[in-house]
Protein backbone atom coordinates (compact mmCIF):
# COMPACT_ATOMS: atom_id res chain seq x y z
CA MET A 1 -27.89 -23.93 25.41
CA ALA A 2 -29.54 -22.90 22.13
CA GLU A 3 -30.40 -19.25 21.94
CA LYS A 4 -34.09 -18.55 21.52
CA SER A 5 -35.24 -17.20 18.19
CA LYS A 6 -36.72 -13.76 18.02
CA LYS A 7 -39.30 -12.66 15.54
CA THR A 8 -36.81 -10.84 13.37
CA THR A 9 -37.63 -12.28 9.94
CA ALA A 10 -40.80 -10.32 9.42
CA GLY A 11 -40.19 -7.14 7.52
CA THR A 12 -36.91 -8.26 5.98
CA ALA A 13 -36.43 -8.22 2.22
CA TRP A 14 -36.87 -11.98 2.03
CA SER A 15 -39.26 -12.82 4.89
CA GLY A 16 -42.07 -14.32 2.80
CA ARG A 17 -40.20 -17.58 2.15
CA PHE A 18 -39.71 -18.60 5.79
CA ALA A 19 -42.05 -20.11 8.37
CA GLU A 20 -39.94 -19.27 11.42
CA PRO A 21 -37.78 -16.34 12.39
CA VAL A 22 -34.00 -16.27 12.29
CA ALA A 23 -32.30 -17.08 15.59
CA ALA A 24 -30.83 -14.01 17.25
CA ARG A 25 -27.36 -15.57 17.29
CA VAL A 26 -27.60 -16.43 13.59
CA GLN A 27 -28.74 -12.89 12.89
CA ARG A 28 -25.64 -11.50 14.55
CA TYR A 29 -23.45 -14.12 12.87
CA THR A 30 -24.68 -13.33 9.35
CA ALA A 31 -25.13 -9.57 9.60
CA SER A 32 -22.49 -7.26 8.13
CA VAL A 33 -23.87 -3.90 9.22
CA GLU A 34 -21.28 -3.58 11.99
CA PHE A 35 -18.53 -3.14 9.41
CA ASP A 36 -20.01 -2.38 5.98
CA THR A 37 -21.46 1.00 6.94
CA ARG A 38 -18.36 2.63 5.48
CA LEU A 39 -19.87 1.80 2.08
CA ALA A 40 -22.97 3.88 2.88
CA GLN A 41 -22.29 6.98 0.80
CA HIS A 42 -21.20 4.83 -2.13
CA ASP A 43 -24.41 2.83 -1.77
CA VAL A 44 -26.42 6.06 -1.92
CA ARG A 45 -24.45 7.19 -4.95
CA GLY A 46 -25.00 3.89 -6.77
CA SER A 47 -28.70 3.89 -5.87
CA ARG A 48 -29.14 7.39 -7.22
CA ALA A 49 -27.54 6.43 -10.54
CA HIS A 50 -29.62 3.24 -10.69
CA ALA A 51 -32.85 5.18 -10.08
CA ARG A 52 -32.05 7.69 -12.81
CA MET A 53 -31.36 4.86 -15.22
CA LEU A 54 -34.66 3.19 -14.34
CA ARG A 55 -36.43 6.43 -15.09
CA SER A 56 -34.68 6.95 -18.44
CA ALA A 57 -35.55 3.36 -19.39
CA GLY A 58 -39.23 3.96 -18.57
CA ILE A 59 -39.20 1.53 -15.67
CA LEU A 60 -39.69 4.15 -12.97
CA SER A 61 -42.03 7.15 -13.03
CA GLN A 62 -40.74 10.70 -12.72
CA ALA A 63 -42.73 11.11 -9.51
CA ASP A 64 -41.05 8.07 -7.97
CA LEU A 65 -37.61 9.27 -9.09
CA THR A 66 -38.18 12.66 -7.51
CA LYS A 67 -39.15 11.05 -4.21
CA ILE A 68 -36.23 8.62 -4.32
CA GLU A 69 -33.69 11.37 -5.00
CA ARG A 70 -35.13 13.51 -2.23
CA GLY A 71 -35.03 10.58 0.19
CA LEU A 72 -31.50 9.58 -0.76
CA SER A 73 -30.32 13.16 -0.24
CA THR A 74 -31.81 13.13 3.24
CA ILE A 75 -30.15 9.79 4.00
CA SER A 76 -26.80 11.06 2.72
CA ARG A 77 -26.99 14.05 5.03
CA GLU A 78 -27.96 11.85 7.98
CA ILE A 79 -25.00 9.55 7.32
CA ALA A 80 -22.58 12.46 6.98
CA ALA A 81 -23.84 13.97 10.24
CA GLY A 82 -23.65 10.65 12.08
CA LYS A 83 -27.39 10.72 12.71
CA PHE A 84 -28.38 7.69 10.63
CA LYS A 85 -29.74 4.91 12.84
CA TRP A 86 -28.26 1.57 11.87
CA SER A 87 -30.19 -1.60 12.64
CA LEU A 88 -28.76 -5.11 13.07
CA GLU A 89 -32.17 -6.45 12.09
CA ALA A 90 -31.77 -4.94 8.62
CA GLU A 91 -28.60 -7.03 8.16
CA ASP A 92 -26.41 -4.79 6.03
CA VAL A 93 -25.80 -1.29 4.75
CA HIS A 94 -28.04 -1.85 1.71
CA LEU A 95 -31.18 -2.93 3.53
CA ASN A 96 -30.68 -0.30 6.21
CA ILE A 97 -30.67 2.41 3.58
CA GLU A 98 -33.57 0.86 1.67
CA ARG A 99 -35.64 0.61 4.86
CA ARG A 100 -34.96 4.23 5.74
CA LEU A 101 -35.75 5.33 2.19
CA THR A 102 -39.08 3.52 2.26
CA ALA A 103 -39.89 5.16 5.60
CA LEU A 104 -39.16 8.54 4.05
CA VAL A 105 -40.85 8.23 0.64
CA GLY A 106 -43.16 5.20 0.84
CA ASP A 107 -43.68 2.82 -2.07
CA ALA A 108 -41.23 4.69 -4.30
CA GLY A 109 -38.48 3.42 -2.00
CA LYS A 110 -39.63 -0.16 -2.54
CA ARG A 111 -39.39 0.28 -6.33
CA LEU A 112 -35.73 1.31 -6.23
CA HIS A 113 -34.54 -2.30 -6.07
CA THR A 114 -36.16 -3.13 -9.40
CA ALA A 115 -33.65 -4.75 -11.81
CA ARG A 116 -30.89 -5.15 -9.26
CA SER A 117 -29.83 -7.47 -6.43
CA ARG A 118 -27.76 -7.00 -3.34
CA ASN A 119 -25.21 -9.17 -5.16
CA ASP A 120 -24.47 -6.63 -7.89
CA GLN A 121 -25.17 -3.77 -5.50
CA VAL A 122 -22.47 -4.71 -3.01
CA ALA A 123 -20.00 -5.47 -5.79
CA THR A 124 -20.60 -1.98 -7.14
CA ASP A 125 -20.29 -0.33 -3.73
CA ILE A 126 -16.98 -2.03 -2.99
CA ARG A 127 -15.54 -1.02 -6.34
CA LEU A 128 -16.66 2.59 -5.89
CA TRP A 129 -15.14 2.66 -2.42
CA LEU A 130 -11.90 0.92 -3.36
CA ARG A 131 -11.38 3.15 -6.38
CA ASP A 132 -11.41 6.21 -4.10
CA GLU A 133 -9.15 4.52 -1.56
CA ILE A 134 -6.61 3.60 -4.23
CA ASP A 135 -6.46 7.27 -5.23
CA GLU A 136 -5.80 8.26 -1.60
CA ILE A 137 -3.14 5.61 -1.10
CA THR A 138 -1.43 6.63 -4.34
CA ALA A 139 -1.28 10.21 -3.07
CA LEU A 140 0.13 9.04 0.27
CA LEU A 141 2.82 7.03 -1.52
CA ALA A 142 3.80 10.17 -3.38
CA ALA A 143 4.02 12.03 -0.05
CA VAL A 144 6.43 9.40 1.30
CA GLN A 145 8.48 9.62 -1.89
CA LYS A 146 8.70 13.41 -1.60
CA SER A 147 10.00 13.12 1.96
CA LEU A 148 12.62 10.60 0.85
CA ILE A 149 13.63 12.70 -2.15
CA ALA A 150 14.09 15.80 0.00
CA GLN A 151 16.36 13.85 2.33
CA ALA A 152 18.22 12.36 -0.65
CA GLU A 153 18.91 15.79 -2.08
CA LYS A 154 20.13 17.00 1.31
CA HIS A 155 22.43 14.01 1.69
CA ALA A 156 23.49 13.41 -1.91
CA ALA A 157 27.14 13.45 -0.82
CA THR A 158 26.79 11.99 2.69
CA ILE A 159 28.83 8.80 2.58
CA MET A 160 27.69 5.62 4.31
CA PRO A 161 28.56 1.95 3.91
CA GLY A 162 26.59 -0.05 1.41
CA PHE A 163 25.90 -3.57 2.60
CA THR A 164 25.48 -7.03 1.17
CA HIS A 165 24.82 -9.88 3.61
CA LEU A 166 24.69 -6.99 6.14
CA GLN A 167 28.48 -6.78 5.77
CA VAL A 168 30.24 -3.63 4.58
CA ALA A 169 30.51 -3.93 0.82
CA GLN A 170 31.16 -0.61 -0.94
CA PRO A 171 30.68 3.04 -0.06
CA VAL A 172 27.47 4.68 -1.21
CA THR A 173 25.73 7.88 -0.26
CA PHE A 174 22.77 8.15 2.07
CA GLY A 175 20.90 9.98 -0.67
CA HIS A 176 21.47 7.11 -3.07
CA HIS A 177 20.30 4.63 -0.44
CA LEU A 178 17.03 6.51 0.15
CA LEU A 179 16.37 6.76 -3.58
CA ALA A 180 16.26 2.96 -3.69
CA TYR A 181 13.07 3.18 -1.62
CA VAL A 182 11.73 5.91 -3.87
CA GLU A 183 12.02 3.42 -6.73
CA MET A 184 10.23 0.73 -4.71
CA PHE A 185 7.35 3.06 -3.90
CA GLU A 186 7.21 4.17 -7.54
CA ARG A 187 6.61 0.57 -8.55
CA ASP A 188 3.90 0.46 -5.90
CA ARG A 189 2.22 3.50 -7.44
CA GLU A 190 2.41 1.86 -10.87
CA ARG A 191 0.90 -1.36 -9.53
CA LEU A 192 -1.98 0.52 -7.93
CA ALA A 193 -2.65 2.40 -11.15
CA ASP A 194 -2.76 -0.88 -13.03
CA CYS A 195 -4.96 -2.50 -10.37
CA ARG A 196 -7.33 0.47 -10.51
CA LYS A 197 -8.04 -0.29 -14.17
CA ARG A 198 -9.60 -3.60 -13.16
CA VAL A 199 -11.41 -2.12 -10.19
CA ASP A 200 -12.94 0.40 -12.59
CA THR A 201 -15.59 -2.00 -13.92
CA LEU A 202 -19.34 -1.70 -13.25
CA PRO A 203 -21.10 -4.89 -12.00
CA LEU A 204 -24.51 -3.24 -11.53
CA GLY A 205 -27.06 -4.73 -13.91
CA ALA A 206 -25.89 -8.29 -13.36
CA ALA A 207 -28.62 -8.52 -10.69
CA ALA A 208 -28.42 -11.74 -8.66
CA LEU A 209 -26.41 -13.68 -11.25
CA ALA A 210 -28.24 -13.88 -14.59
CA GLY A 211 -28.92 -10.25 -15.43
CA THR A 212 -32.47 -8.90 -15.59
CA SER A 213 -35.46 -9.03 -17.93
CA PHE A 214 -35.93 -5.25 -17.61
CA PRO A 215 -34.60 -3.04 -20.44
CA ILE A 216 -31.81 -1.51 -18.36
CA ARG A 217 -29.06 0.80 -19.64
CA ARG A 218 -25.89 -0.25 -17.93
CA GLU A 219 -23.62 2.05 -19.92
CA GLN A 220 -25.61 5.03 -18.65
CA VAL A 221 -24.98 3.98 -15.03
CA ALA A 222 -21.31 3.43 -15.80
CA ARG A 223 -20.99 6.94 -17.21
CA GLU A 224 -22.71 8.54 -14.22
CA LEU A 225 -20.57 6.64 -11.71
CA GLY A 226 -17.40 7.21 -13.70
CA PHE A 227 -16.68 3.57 -14.48
CA ALA A 228 -14.47 2.93 -17.51
CA ARG A 229 -16.31 -0.22 -18.56
CA VAL A 230 -19.25 -2.52 -17.85
CA ALA A 231 -18.73 -6.10 -16.63
CA GLN A 232 -19.35 -8.40 -19.59
CA ASN A 233 -20.60 -11.52 -17.82
CA SER A 234 -23.28 -11.40 -15.16
CA LEU A 235 -22.04 -14.51 -13.33
CA ASP A 236 -18.52 -13.15 -13.10
CA ALA A 237 -19.72 -9.65 -12.24
CA VAL A 238 -21.33 -10.65 -8.95
CA SER A 239 -18.80 -13.28 -7.89
CA ASP A 240 -15.50 -11.64 -8.91
CA ARG A 241 -13.24 -10.56 -6.07
CA ASP A 242 -10.02 -10.69 -8.08
CA PHE A 243 -9.79 -6.92 -7.85
CA ALA A 244 -9.83 -7.07 -4.02
CA ILE A 245 -7.17 -9.79 -4.00
CA GLU A 246 -5.06 -7.90 -6.51
CA PHE A 247 -5.30 -4.72 -4.46
CA THR A 248 -4.34 -6.59 -1.29
CA ALA A 249 -1.35 -8.08 -3.12
CA ALA A 250 -0.27 -4.59 -4.17
CA ALA A 251 -0.84 -3.39 -0.60
CA SER A 252 1.28 -6.29 0.67
CA LEU A 253 4.17 -5.15 -1.49
CA ILE A 254 3.78 -1.61 -0.16
CA MET A 255 3.99 -2.96 3.38
CA LEU A 256 6.91 -5.20 2.42
CA HIS A 257 8.83 -2.09 1.29
CA ILE A 258 7.79 -0.25 4.44
CA SER A 259 8.98 -3.22 6.49
CA ARG A 260 12.39 -3.28 4.79
CA LEU A 261 12.81 0.44 5.43
CA SER A 262 11.64 -0.07 9.00
CA GLU A 263 14.23 -2.75 9.59
CA GLU A 264 16.96 -0.38 8.45
CA LEU A 265 15.64 2.44 10.60
CA VAL A 266 15.68 0.15 13.63
CA LEU A 267 19.30 -0.75 12.89
CA TRP A 268 20.38 2.80 12.13
CA VAL A 269 19.05 4.27 15.38
CA ASN A 270 20.84 1.61 17.43
CA PRO A 271 23.86 3.19 19.19
CA ARG A 272 26.11 0.60 17.55
CA PHE A 273 25.24 2.24 14.24
CA ALA A 274 24.06 5.70 15.37
CA PHE A 275 23.50 6.66 11.74
CA ILE A 276 20.27 8.56 12.36
CA SER A 277 17.86 9.76 14.99
CA LEU A 278 14.09 9.81 14.71
CA PRO A 279 11.89 12.66 15.94
CA ASP A 280 10.82 12.08 19.54
CA ARG A 281 7.15 12.11 18.61
CA PHE A 282 7.60 8.85 16.68
CA CYS A 283 9.31 7.04 19.56
CA THR A 284 8.42 5.86 23.05
CA GLY A 285 10.30 5.21 26.27
CA SER A 286 10.46 2.39 28.76
CA SER A 287 8.46 2.02 31.95
CA ILE A 288 11.58 0.77 33.75
CA MET A 289 14.64 2.01 31.80
CA PRO A 290 14.63 5.81 31.78
CA GLN A 291 17.30 6.13 29.09
CA LYS A 292 15.40 4.28 26.39
CA LYS A 293 14.16 5.84 23.14
CA ASN A 294 12.46 3.01 21.29
CA PRO A 295 11.73 3.15 17.54
CA ASP A 296 8.19 1.92 18.06
CA VAL A 297 6.76 3.23 14.79
CA PRO A 298 9.19 1.33 12.52
CA GLU A 299 8.89 -1.75 14.71
CA LEU A 300 5.11 -1.70 14.63
CA ALA A 301 5.03 -1.03 10.89
CA ARG A 302 7.32 -4.02 10.44
CA GLY A 303 4.80 -6.07 12.40
CA LYS A 304 1.77 -4.69 10.61
CA SER A 305 3.21 -5.89 7.31
CA GLY A 306 2.43 -9.44 8.49
CA ARG A 307 -1.12 -8.38 9.22
CA VAL A 308 -1.61 -7.25 5.61
CA PHE A 309 0.11 -10.35 4.23
CA GLY A 310 -2.35 -12.39 6.29
CA HIS A 311 -5.30 -10.58 4.73
CA LEU A 312 -3.97 -11.46 1.27
CA VAL A 313 -3.76 -15.15 2.16
CA GLY A 314 -7.19 -14.93 3.78
CA LEU A 315 -8.82 -13.51 0.64
CA LEU A 316 -7.14 -16.08 -1.58
CA THR A 317 -8.38 -18.83 0.72
CA LEU A 318 -11.85 -17.29 0.83
CA MET A 319 -12.25 -17.49 -2.93
CA LYS A 320 -10.41 -20.67 -3.86
CA GLY A 321 -13.31 -23.10 -3.30
CA GLN A 322 -16.28 -21.05 -4.42
CA PRO A 323 -18.44 -22.22 -7.33
CA LEU A 324 -20.22 -19.63 -9.47
CA ALA A 325 -21.87 -17.37 -8.71
CA TYR A 326 -22.30 -15.34 -5.50
CA ASN A 327 -21.94 -17.14 -2.16
CA LYS A 328 -22.34 -15.87 1.39
CA ASP A 329 -18.62 -16.52 1.86
CA ASN A 330 -18.06 -13.28 -0.03
CA GLN A 331 -19.29 -11.29 2.94
CA GLU A 332 -15.94 -12.15 4.52
CA ASP A 333 -14.10 -10.08 1.90
CA LYS A 334 -14.86 -6.74 3.52
CA GLU A 335 -13.16 -6.79 6.91
CA PRO A 336 -9.72 -7.84 5.59
CA LEU A 337 -10.04 -5.42 2.70
CA PHE A 338 -11.11 -2.57 4.98
CA ASP A 339 -8.34 -3.29 7.47
CA THR A 340 -5.74 -3.48 4.71
CA VAL A 341 -6.73 -0.04 3.46
CA ASP A 342 -6.74 1.44 6.97
CA THR A 343 -3.36 -0.08 7.82
CA VAL A 344 -1.66 1.07 4.63
CA LYS A 345 -3.09 4.59 4.80
CA ASP A 346 -2.15 5.11 8.44
CA THR A 347 1.34 3.71 7.90
CA LEU A 348 2.10 5.83 4.84
CA ALA A 349 0.78 9.02 6.43
CA ILE A 350 3.02 8.48 9.46
CA PHE A 351 6.09 7.55 7.41
CA ALA A 352 5.76 10.63 5.19
CA GLU A 353 6.07 12.84 8.26
CA MET A 354 8.59 10.70 10.12
CA MET A 355 11.05 10.41 7.23
CA ALA A 356 10.96 14.16 6.70
CA GLY A 357 12.14 14.57 10.31
CA VAL A 358 15.03 12.08 10.25
CA LYS A 359 18.34 13.58 11.45
CA VAL A 360 21.55 12.14 10.02
CA ASN A 361 24.84 11.51 11.83
CA ALA A 362 27.17 11.89 8.84
CA LYS A 363 30.29 11.36 10.97
CA ALA A 364 29.10 7.96 12.18
CA MET A 365 28.12 6.93 8.66
CA ARG A 366 31.52 7.89 7.27
CA ALA A 367 33.37 6.09 10.06
CA ALA A 368 31.38 2.93 9.35
CA ALA A 369 32.18 3.19 5.63
CA LEU A 370 35.88 3.12 6.52
CA GLU A 371 35.41 -0.28 8.10
CA GLY A 372 35.47 -3.53 6.19
CA PHE A 373 37.78 -2.42 3.32
CA SER A 374 34.88 -0.93 1.38
CA THR A 375 37.12 0.45 -1.40
CA ALA A 376 38.64 -2.96 -2.24
CA THR A 377 36.56 -3.19 -5.42
CA ASP A 378 37.92 0.22 -6.48
CA LEU A 379 41.46 -1.14 -6.16
CA ALA A 380 40.49 -4.12 -8.31
CA ASP A 381 38.94 -1.83 -10.93
CA TYR A 382 42.10 0.28 -10.89
CA LEU A 383 44.24 -2.75 -11.69
CA VAL A 384 41.89 -3.82 -14.50
CA LYS A 385 42.21 -0.36 -16.03
CA LYS A 386 45.97 -0.90 -15.86
CA GLY A 387 45.59 -4.02 -18.00
CA LEU A 388 45.37 -6.79 -15.41
CA PRO A 389 42.59 -9.37 -16.04
CA PHE A 390 39.78 -8.95 -13.52
CA ARG A 391 40.23 -12.37 -11.93
CA ASP A 392 43.92 -11.68 -11.39
CA ALA A 393 43.10 -8.26 -10.02
CA HIS A 394 40.53 -9.81 -7.68
CA GLU A 395 43.15 -12.24 -6.36
CA ALA A 396 45.74 -9.50 -5.86
CA VAL A 397 43.32 -7.29 -3.93
CA ALA A 398 42.12 -10.21 -1.80
CA ARG A 399 45.74 -10.80 -0.71
CA ALA A 400 46.15 -7.09 -0.03
CA VAL A 401 43.03 -7.10 2.14
CA ARG A 402 44.30 -10.09 4.08
CA PHE A 403 47.58 -8.28 4.69
CA ALA A 404 45.84 -5.03 5.75
CA GLU A 405 43.54 -6.96 8.05
CA GLY A 406 46.55 -8.49 9.77
CA GLU A 407 48.08 -5.03 10.13
CA LYS A 408 44.76 -3.65 11.44
CA ARG A 409 44.91 -0.88 8.85
CA ASP A 410 42.69 0.17 5.97
CA LEU A 411 43.91 -0.25 2.40
CA ALA A 412 44.32 3.53 2.12
CA GLU A 413 46.65 3.42 5.14
CA LEU A 414 49.12 1.01 3.52
CA THR A 415 52.29 2.48 2.06
CA LEU A 416 52.90 2.42 -1.67
CA ALA A 417 55.65 -0.14 -1.17
CA GLU A 418 53.30 -2.38 0.79
CA LEU A 419 50.62 -2.14 -1.89
CA ARG A 420 53.12 -2.89 -4.68
CA GLN A 421 53.83 -6.26 -3.04
CA PHE A 422 50.59 -7.39 -4.61
CA SER A 423 50.94 -5.77 -8.06
CA ASP A 424 53.68 -3.71 -9.64
CA LYS A 425 50.98 -1.89 -11.64
CA ILE A 426 50.04 0.16 -8.56
CA ASP A 427 51.27 3.76 -8.73
CA ARG A 428 51.09 6.72 -6.33
CA ASN A 429 47.75 7.87 -7.84
CA ILE A 430 46.12 4.85 -6.19
CA TYR A 431 45.33 6.90 -3.09
CA ARG A 432 42.78 8.99 -4.99
CA VAL A 433 41.01 5.72 -5.85
CA LEU A 434 41.07 4.39 -2.30
CA THR A 435 39.28 7.37 -0.73
CA LEU A 436 35.58 7.12 0.04
CA GLU A 437 34.86 10.29 -1.91
CA GLY A 438 36.79 9.05 -4.92
CA SER A 439 34.93 5.75 -4.82
CA VAL A 440 31.43 7.22 -4.89
CA ALA A 441 32.35 10.00 -7.33
CA ALA A 442 33.59 7.44 -9.85
CA ARG A 443 30.13 5.87 -10.13
CA LYS A 444 28.49 8.65 -12.08
CA HIS A 445 26.56 6.56 -14.59
CA THR A 446 22.76 6.34 -14.60
CA GLY A 447 21.68 4.71 -11.36
CA GLY A 448 25.08 5.18 -9.74
CA THR A 449 25.89 6.57 -6.31
CA ALA A 450 27.95 9.61 -7.37
CA PRO A 451 26.54 12.76 -5.74
CA VAL A 452 25.98 14.38 -9.12
CA GLN A 453 24.01 11.34 -10.24
CA VAL A 454 22.05 11.24 -6.99
CA MET A 455 20.92 14.81 -7.60
CA ALA A 456 19.96 13.97 -11.18
CA SER A 457 18.04 10.88 -10.07
CA ALA A 458 16.27 12.83 -7.34
CA LYS A 459 15.22 15.47 -9.87
CA ALA A 460 13.90 12.80 -12.25
CA ALA A 461 12.01 11.06 -9.43
CA ARG A 462 10.44 14.31 -8.30
CA ALA A 463 9.32 15.05 -11.87
CA ARG A 464 7.32 11.79 -11.91
CA LEU A 465 5.27 12.82 -8.91
CA PRO A 466 2.12 14.97 -8.83
CA LYS A 467 2.76 18.60 -7.91
């Protein structure tokens, strides 16, 4: 059954064109005020800068500007105190604020919208908001990095197995392993900084799509709002959402890195690994199995990565078929963008604290590194240094591993005579090479896993971060 229309068109910003009111269901379907209120303070800020520009350009009187600024200050306080009354009938954050301003200051409030449109207004609000959110996320990334670096410094010499194909490959240190994630998150910070440059563009002044016939001063507004540049094409200014897509792509990579770390945390806390334990406050139990300590935070973060990836695909799909310029489709950009920001911020804040509280079982890590002949490559390198071609060395060590596997012993447990079956170049000093400590210590080049290099890398990574 069709829902009856209500007389809701009268009093809207566009009511004069229509002969019948909007249906109540359509009103709810098209309104954005239920989610775009988080842009409110940015809308006030942009409106204040716009009003001051109108005054400096001689478009607005000083008396009107005074009233508008007074009204906007009142609205800002009401919003901050949670006392602002939002109306579905007013559709969105912009018209809600404009309606309240007009109620407070009269006709001056109606003049504020001169030389602008909701199209360039919302584009400005989103950019102002996202710019601030990028700064917060960048700071949260740094907090996660600091937690990882502190753990890396503490465990610069704690040996664990390094894996390829999730099989024991070579020994590394836990500190070195954590610094790999520090590098990932550093790239994330760099991507956000680069993305922020394109967010930092002022659309205001593009009006609906073609600019305005009023003698506006866009550069003045850009300076007041702290934008680095002014959008150079009015059509593109109101319809561009590349910056939102680019941010969500960067956010997806952040969550991808979080998800990879989460997967390892889930493995490491499993009793079969028992490499680490997580603080109790980041875990939950079972309603039926009293012994359980479930790593719910890493598991959920792993799942939430898919949520953010979905928002990226959604935004790409939203924009792919749109002709110039603004279309109502663009209203659908906000909820995925808002949720992406919320998800990333919450996840990073939790991980910064959780990673700082990780406890390491160094004994279990070392025991695991002794499995799988992890120093086999060191034996091959030893033979190469003795003059054997690498491919021949590789073959010799592969036969030695097969022999040791049959004996159910590690390479370091074979006698010198047994090892010399595979190459007469092997001397008694081979046992220094076959130890876990000798293996990691030998890799002291830049980016290597030697404890001394881990400490140097940690120091360099910390120096890149804000104090």
